[in-house]
Amino acid sequence: MRRRLVRLGTTLLLGWGAPIGSAHALCGTPDVVDTLPPDGQALVPTNTPLSASYELGALHQGESVIVTAAPGERHELAASYSRALKSLVVTLPCAGGSPDCSEDPDFPGGLLKPDTEYTVEWPGLRADATARAGRGASVSFTTSSGPDTSSPSFEGTLGVRWDFEREFDSCSDTESERYVFDVKVSPPAYAGGAELLTMHVFQTAGRLLEKDANGNGIPEEVHRGRYQGSEWIRVRQPIATGFGEVCFSAFAEAPNGLISQGSETEACTRTEHPPFFEGCSFAGLGRRSSTGELWLLGVAGLVFVRWRSRVASPNPRARSEPTAN
């Protein structure tokens, strides 16, 4: 019986081989997940930096960013990438006000041109030199009449909730357990539009935070991303980092670099031990089963049990009669 069940499960897995193989084929293709400014944004201050966020694992190999002003020329601009922040930032001509640069009319003074529509073509990046490039993005926006010098307003964090997450990575055939924290924040405000704000979230209390000379925990930044209009910001933390009493604070940053108040407000919670469990696997597969494989195993077992019952008891009434010893 056991051999037949394993064979049936293996047959179902082979039938699903194409989707599983496709998942592996998609590994190593980090896509663009967000841009600043976002597509379709209007009245963007001319001192707004151009940046894009990528999925984890992106590798910048000098790919340029195409920026076009309407009317204007097509510019291939250099960009710098931060792997820690997963962010690619464009270097505008004459940025920083260098006195020996040749000013470009599409970027006067190293800024965006007022009252102009721009199109930015973000490149797809790779996880390594030989991998397939991920999806890039093309966005358009219009600028306002000039730069903005105001600060954003923000009241801080309002609460935090937590849960467990167990994720299977089909690229590395590994599973990881993590805490998932949803940090509730008050809605920020900004003259240039809240959609242009960058939210910074810090863990301010935790077992593994570094300590200062007085023994107090040094806040560690755990999230940086454009404000998406939601009152919840999700933070994932390793089990060792997220266990016990955990606190978070946050602030908002405007494109001009000015930041809000609110970072003095903390939201805290206390987590419990997660329900660790070991995954199951078919004999001979050599790794833990993914969720899809466990589902297929369950289906295989159900099909086999029904088949065995029909073969052993073709008469429905025979199943309810006692079996002689």
Protein backbone atom coordinates (compact mmCIF):
# COMPACT_ATOMS: atom_id res chain seq x y z
CA MET A 1 0.00 0.00 0.00
CA ARG A 2 2.76 2.43 0.91
CA ARG A 3 4.58 1.84 -2.36
CA ARG A 4 1.42 2.52 -4.36
CA LEU A 5 0.74 5.73 -2.43
CA VAL A 6 4.26 7.00 -3.07
CA ARG A 7 4.01 6.13 -6.76
CA LEU A 8 0.67 7.89 -7.09
CA GLY A 9 2.05 10.99 -5.33
CA THR A 10 5.11 10.93 -7.57
CA THR A 11 2.91 10.70 -10.68
CA LEU A 12 0.93 13.74 -9.60
CA LEU A 13 4.14 15.65 -8.94
CA LEU A 14 5.46 14.81 -12.38
CA GLY A 15 2.20 16.05 -13.86
CA TRP A 16 2.82 19.36 -12.09
CA GLY A 17 6.47 19.46 -13.14
CA ALA A 18 6.03 22.38 -15.54
CA PRO A 19 4.67 24.88 -12.97
CA ILE A 20 7.32 23.89 -10.43
CA GLY A 21 10.02 24.22 -13.09
CA SER A 22 8.62 27.58 -14.11
CA ALA A 23 8.94 28.82 -10.54
CA HIS A 24 12.63 27.93 -10.61
CA ALA A 25 13.03 29.58 -14.02
CA LEU A 26 11.77 32.84 -12.57
CA CYS A 27 14.39 32.87 -9.83
CA GLY A 28 16.97 35.62 -10.02
CA THR A 29 14.81 38.20 -11.79
CA PRO A 30 14.37 41.10 -9.34
CA ASP A 31 11.72 43.47 -10.69
CA VAL A 32 11.01 47.14 -10.07
CA VAL A 33 8.44 47.33 -7.27
CA ASP A 34 8.03 51.11 -6.82
CA THR A 35 9.30 54.43 -8.12
CA LEU A 36 9.67 58.00 -6.90
CA PRO A 37 7.85 59.90 -8.29
CA PRO A 38 5.15 57.29 -8.96
CA ASP A 39 3.57 56.98 -12.37
CA GLY A 40 1.02 59.70 -13.13
CA GLN A 41 2.03 61.99 -10.25
CA ALA A 42 1.31 65.70 -10.82
CA LEU A 43 2.86 68.84 -9.28
CA VAL A 44 6.12 67.10 -8.39
CA PRO A 45 8.56 69.58 -6.78
CA THR A 46 11.56 70.19 -8.99
CA ASN A 47 13.98 69.14 -6.23
CA THR A 48 12.49 65.63 -6.04
CA PRO A 49 15.10 62.89 -6.56
CA LEU A 50 14.42 60.14 -9.11
CA SER A 51 14.65 56.68 -7.57
CA ALA A 52 13.29 53.14 -7.98
CA SER A 53 13.00 50.26 -5.52
CA TYR A 54 13.76 46.69 -6.61
CA GLU A 55 13.05 43.26 -5.24
CA LEU A 56 15.68 41.63 -3.05
CA GLY A 57 18.76 40.37 -4.86
CA ALA A 58 19.12 43.01 -7.58
CA LEU A 59 22.64 43.66 -8.87
CA HIS A 60 23.43 46.96 -10.60
CA GLN A 61 26.00 46.53 -13.37
CA GLY A 62 26.12 50.11 -14.57
CA GLU A 63 22.75 50.11 -16.31
CA SER A 64 21.70 53.67 -17.15
CA VAL A 65 18.28 55.27 -16.63
CA ILE A 66 16.58 56.95 -19.60
CA VAL A 67 15.03 60.34 -18.73
CA THR A 68 13.15 62.38 -21.32
CA ALA A 69 11.60 65.84 -20.92
CA ALA A 70 8.71 66.85 -23.17
CA PRO A 71 9.71 68.67 -25.22
CA GLY A 72 13.34 67.82 -24.78
CA GLU A 73 16.06 65.32 -25.46
CA ARG A 74 16.47 61.70 -24.43
CA HIS A 75 19.14 61.43 -21.71
CA GLU A 76 20.97 58.29 -20.62
CA LEU A 77 21.84 59.14 -17.02
CA ALA A 78 24.09 57.35 -14.58
CA ALA A 79 22.63 55.97 -11.36
CA SER A 80 23.90 54.59 -8.07
CA TYR A 81 22.46 51.51 -6.36
CA SER A 82 22.19 50.70 -2.65
CA ARG A 83 21.83 46.98 -1.99
CA ALA A 84 20.91 47.65 1.64
CA LEU A 85 17.99 49.86 0.62
CA LYS A 86 17.32 48.04 -2.70
CA SER A 87 17.14 51.44 -4.35
CA LEU A 88 18.52 52.89 -7.60
CA VAL A 89 18.97 56.71 -7.60
CA VAL A 90 19.54 58.82 -10.72
CA THR A 91 22.39 61.33 -10.84
CA LEU A 92 21.04 64.44 -12.59
CA PRO A 93 23.40 66.62 -14.67
CA CYS A 94 24.96 69.36 -12.56
CA ALA A 95 23.43 67.90 -9.40
CA GLY A 96 24.98 69.57 -6.38
CA GLY A 97 25.67 72.82 -8.24
CA SER A 98 29.17 72.02 -9.45
CA PRO A 99 30.56 75.29 -10.91
CA ASP A 100 32.47 73.62 -13.76
CA CYS A 101 29.56 71.62 -15.19
CA SER A 102 27.80 72.39 -18.45
CA GLU A 103 24.19 73.08 -17.49
CA ASP A 104 21.55 71.11 -19.38
CA PRO A 105 18.33 73.00 -20.20
CA ASP A 106 16.28 69.92 -19.26
CA PHE A 107 17.82 69.95 -15.76
CA PRO A 108 18.45 73.60 -14.84
CA GLY A 109 20.66 73.96 -11.80
CA GLY A 110 20.79 70.19 -11.35
CA LEU A 111 17.03 70.06 -10.76
CA LEU A 112 14.00 69.07 -12.80
CA LYS A 113 12.58 71.70 -15.11
CA PRO A 114 9.42 73.48 -13.86
CA ASP A 115 6.01 72.74 -15.40
CA THR A 116 7.35 69.91 -17.52
CA GLU A 117 6.29 66.35 -18.24
CA TYR A 118 9.04 63.78 -17.75
CA THR A 119 9.24 60.12 -18.70
CA VAL A 120 11.67 57.86 -16.83
CA GLU A 121 12.58 54.38 -18.09
CA TRP A 122 13.93 52.25 -15.24
CA PRO A 123 16.10 49.28 -16.29
CA GLY A 124 15.48 45.69 -15.36
CA LEU A 125 18.29 44.41 -13.13
CA ARG A 126 19.74 40.92 -12.70
CA ALA A 127 20.61 38.83 -9.67
CA ASP A 128 24.00 38.01 -11.23
CA ALA A 129 25.87 38.61 -14.45
CA THR A 130 24.34 35.65 -16.30
CA ALA A 131 20.75 35.75 -14.99
CA ARG A 132 17.79 37.01 -16.96
CA ALA A 133 16.90 40.66 -16.28
CA GLY A 134 13.83 41.40 -14.21
CA ARG A 135 11.03 43.73 -15.23
CA GLY A 136 11.88 47.42 -15.48
CA ALA A 137 9.31 50.22 -15.46
CA SER A 138 8.36 53.29 -17.48
CA VAL A 139 6.72 56.13 -15.55
CA SER A 140 5.59 59.64 -16.43
CA PHE A 141 4.94 62.64 -14.18
CA THR A 142 4.66 66.43 -14.35
CA THR A 143 6.58 68.92 -12.26
CA SER A 144 5.33 71.92 -10.31
CA SER A 145 6.50 75.50 -10.70
CA GLY A 146 9.61 75.06 -8.56
CA PRO A 147 11.31 73.35 -5.60
CA ASP A 148 9.68 72.72 -2.23
CA THR A 149 11.31 73.65 1.07
CA SER A 150 8.58 72.63 3.54
CA SER A 151 8.73 69.85 6.12
CA PRO A 152 6.22 67.00 6.33
CA SER A 153 3.96 66.59 9.35
CA PHE A 154 3.56 63.23 11.08
CA GLU A 155 2.32 62.24 14.53
CA GLY A 156 4.11 58.91 14.80
CA THR A 157 3.21 55.28 15.38
CA LEU A 158 -0.18 54.32 16.79
CA GLY A 159 0.15 50.60 17.43
CA VAL A 160 1.64 47.30 16.29
CA ARG A 161 0.33 43.78 15.69
CA TRP A 162 2.28 40.62 14.97
CA ASP A 163 2.00 37.12 13.51
CA PHE A 164 4.17 34.23 12.28
CA GLU A 165 5.23 33.50 8.72
CA ARG A 166 6.77 30.35 7.30
CA GLU A 167 7.94 30.81 3.73
CA PHE A 168 9.32 28.33 1.21
CA ASP A 169 11.91 29.69 -1.24
CA SER A 170 11.72 27.68 -4.47
CA CYS A 171 14.99 29.23 -5.66
CA SER A 172 17.11 27.89 -2.80
CA ASP A 173 14.82 25.02 -1.67
CA THR A 174 14.85 26.40 1.85
CA GLU A 175 12.21 27.41 4.34
CA SER A 176 12.39 30.23 6.86
CA GLU A 177 10.31 31.21 9.87
CA ARG A 178 9.86 34.89 10.65
CA TYR A 179 7.81 37.27 12.68
CA VAL A 180 5.59 39.62 10.70
CA PHE A 181 4.90 42.99 12.33
CA ASP A 182 2.29 45.45 11.07
CA VAL A 183 3.13 48.90 12.41
CA LYS A 184 0.20 51.33 12.44
CA VAL A 185 1.15 54.92 11.56
CA SER A 186 -0.76 58.17 11.56
CA PRO A 187 -1.36 59.63 8.08
CA PRO A 188 1.46 62.03 7.14
CA ALA A 189 0.90 65.31 5.33
CA TYR A 190 3.12 67.21 2.92
CA ALA A 191 2.63 70.25 0.68
CA GLY A 192 4.01 68.39 -2.34
CA GLY A 193 1.72 65.39 -1.77
CA ALA A 194 1.98 62.58 0.77
CA GLU A 195 2.66 60.12 -2.07
CA LEU A 196 6.14 61.65 -2.39
CA LEU A 197 7.09 61.01 1.22
CA THR A 198 9.49 58.29 2.30
CA MET A 199 8.58 56.44 5.51
CA HIS A 200 11.36 55.32 7.83
CA VAL A 201 10.56 52.70 10.49
CA PHE A 202 13.00 51.82 13.29
CA GLN A 203 13.04 49.01 15.79
CA THR A 204 13.75 50.73 19.10
CA ALA A 205 13.54 47.79 21.51
CA GLY A 206 14.54 44.16 21.06
CA ARG A 207 16.79 41.43 22.41
CA LEU A 208 19.52 41.79 19.78
CA LEU A 209 19.73 45.56 19.37
CA GLU A 210 23.17 47.05 19.86
CA LYS A 211 23.61 49.01 23.11
CA ASP A 212 25.05 52.45 23.65
CA ALA A 213 27.41 53.44 26.49
CA ASN A 214 24.45 53.70 28.88
CA GLY A 215 23.07 50.28 28.00
CA ASN A 216 20.18 51.64 25.95
CA GLY A 217 19.24 50.01 22.67
CA ILE A 218 20.39 51.80 19.50
CA PRO A 219 17.44 52.10 17.08
CA GLU A 220 17.86 50.04 13.90
CA GLU A 221 16.15 50.97 10.64
CA VAL A 222 13.99 48.05 9.49
CA HIS A 223 11.93 49.69 6.71
CA ARG A 224 12.39 52.50 4.20
CA GLY A 225 9.88 53.00 1.42
CA ARG A 226 7.55 55.46 -0.26
CA TYR A 227 4.30 56.16 1.59
CA GLN A 228 1.62 54.05 -0.07
CA GLY A 229 -1.44 55.56 1.59
CA SER A 230 -1.95 52.66 4.01
CA GLU A 231 -2.07 53.08 7.78
CA TRP A 232 -0.11 49.81 8.20
CA ILE A 233 3.54 49.25 7.32
CA ARG A 234 4.71 45.61 7.25
CA VAL A 235 8.06 44.63 8.75
CA ARG A 236 9.51 41.11 8.69
CA GLN A 237 12.06 40.11 11.30
CA PRO A 238 14.03 36.92 12.02
CA ILE A 239 12.83 34.88 14.98
CA ALA A 240 15.84 35.76 17.13
CA THR A 241 15.39 39.48 16.48
CA GLY A 242 11.63 39.64 16.91
CA PHE A 243 11.12 37.52 20.03
CA GLY A 244 10.07 39.13 23.30
CA GLU A 245 9.34 42.82 23.79
CA VAL A 246 9.63 44.73 20.53
CA CYS A 247 9.04 48.46 19.90
CA PHE A 248 8.92 50.56 16.74
CA SER A 249 9.04 54.26 15.88
CA ALA A 250 8.83 56.09 12.55
CA PHE A 251 9.20 59.41 10.75
CA ALA A 252 8.45 60.80 7.28
CA GLU A 253 11.03 62.32 4.93
CA ALA A 254 10.21 64.80 2.16
CA PRO A 255 12.02 64.70 -1.22
CA ASN A 256 13.99 67.79 -0.15
CA GLY A 257 15.52 65.81 2.72
CA LEU A 258 13.57 67.50 5.54
CA ILE A 259 12.04 65.11 8.08
CA SER A 260 8.98 65.18 10.30
CA GLN A 261 8.43 64.94 14.01
CA GLY A 262 6.91 61.77 15.45
CA SER A 263 9.97 59.58 15.91
CA GLU A 264 9.75 60.06 19.69
CA THR A 265 6.49 58.06 19.74
CA GLU A 266 6.83 54.28 20.15
CA ALA A 267 4.46 51.37 19.57
CA CYS A 268 5.32 48.18 21.47
CA THR A 269 4.21 44.57 21.72
CA ARG A 270 5.43 41.30 23.23
CA THR A 271 5.72 38.25 20.99
CA GLU A 272 5.48 34.57 21.95
CA HIS A 273 7.45 31.54 20.84
CA PRO A 274 6.42 30.59 17.30
CA PRO A 275 4.88 27.15 16.64
CA PHE A 276 7.89 25.54 14.96
CA PHE A 277 7.21 22.39 12.97
CA GLU A 278 9.15 20.14 10.62
CA GLY A 279 8.09 19.75 7.02
CA CYS A 280 7.23 16.39 5.45
CA SER A 281 8.83 14.98 2.33
CA PHE A 282 8.60 12.02 0.00
CA ALA A 283 11.31 9.43 0.51
CA GLY A 284 14.14 10.05 -1.93
CA LEU A 285 13.25 13.65 -2.82
CA GLY A 286 16.10 14.93 -0.67
CA ARG A 287 14.47 18.15 0.57
CA ARG A 288 11.50 19.48 2.50
CA SER A 289 8.26 19.60 0.58
CA SER A 290 6.75 22.88 -0.47
CA THR A 291 3.14 23.73 0.27
CA GLY A 292 2.13 22.64 -3.22
CA GLU A 293 3.80 19.26 -2.81
CA LEU A 294 2.11 18.68 0.55
CA TRP A 295 -1.23 19.46 -1.07
CA LEU A 296 -0.50 16.97 -3.85
CA LEU A 297 0.44 14.33 -1.29
CA GLY A 298 -2.88 14.89 0.46
CA VAL A 299 -4.77 14.54 -2.82
CA ALA A 300 -2.83 11.39 -3.67
CA GLY A 301 -3.69 9.88 -0.29
CA LEU A 302 -7.37 10.72 -0.65
CA VAL A 303 -7.54 9.23 -4.17
CA PHE A 304 -5.80 6.05 -3.00
CA VAL A 305 -8.05 5.61 0.04
CA ARG A 306 -11.18 5.95 -2.10
CA TRP A 307 -9.78 3.55 -4.71
CA ARG A 308 -8.86 0.98 -2.05
CA SER A 309 -12.28 1.20 -0.45
CA ARG A 310 -14.05 0.57 -3.76
CA VAL A 311 -11.83 -2.38 -4.63
CA ALA A 312 -12.09 -3.97 -1.20
CA SER A 313 -15.86 -3.39 -0.84
CA PRO A 314 -17.72 -3.29 -4.17
CA ASN A 315 -21.01 -3.73 -2.26
CA PRO A 316 -21.80 -0.55 -0.26
CA ARG A 317 -23.43 -2.62 2.49
CA ALA A 318 -20.36 -4.78 2.89
CA ARG A 319 -18.37 -1.81 4.34
CA SER A 320 -20.61 -1.60 7.38
CA GLU A 321 -20.53 -5.31 8.20
CA PRO A 322 -18.07 -6.58 10.83
CA THR A 323 -15.01 -8.41 9.60
CA ALA A 324 -14.48 -11.92 10.84
CA ASN A 325 -11.31 -12.63 12.79
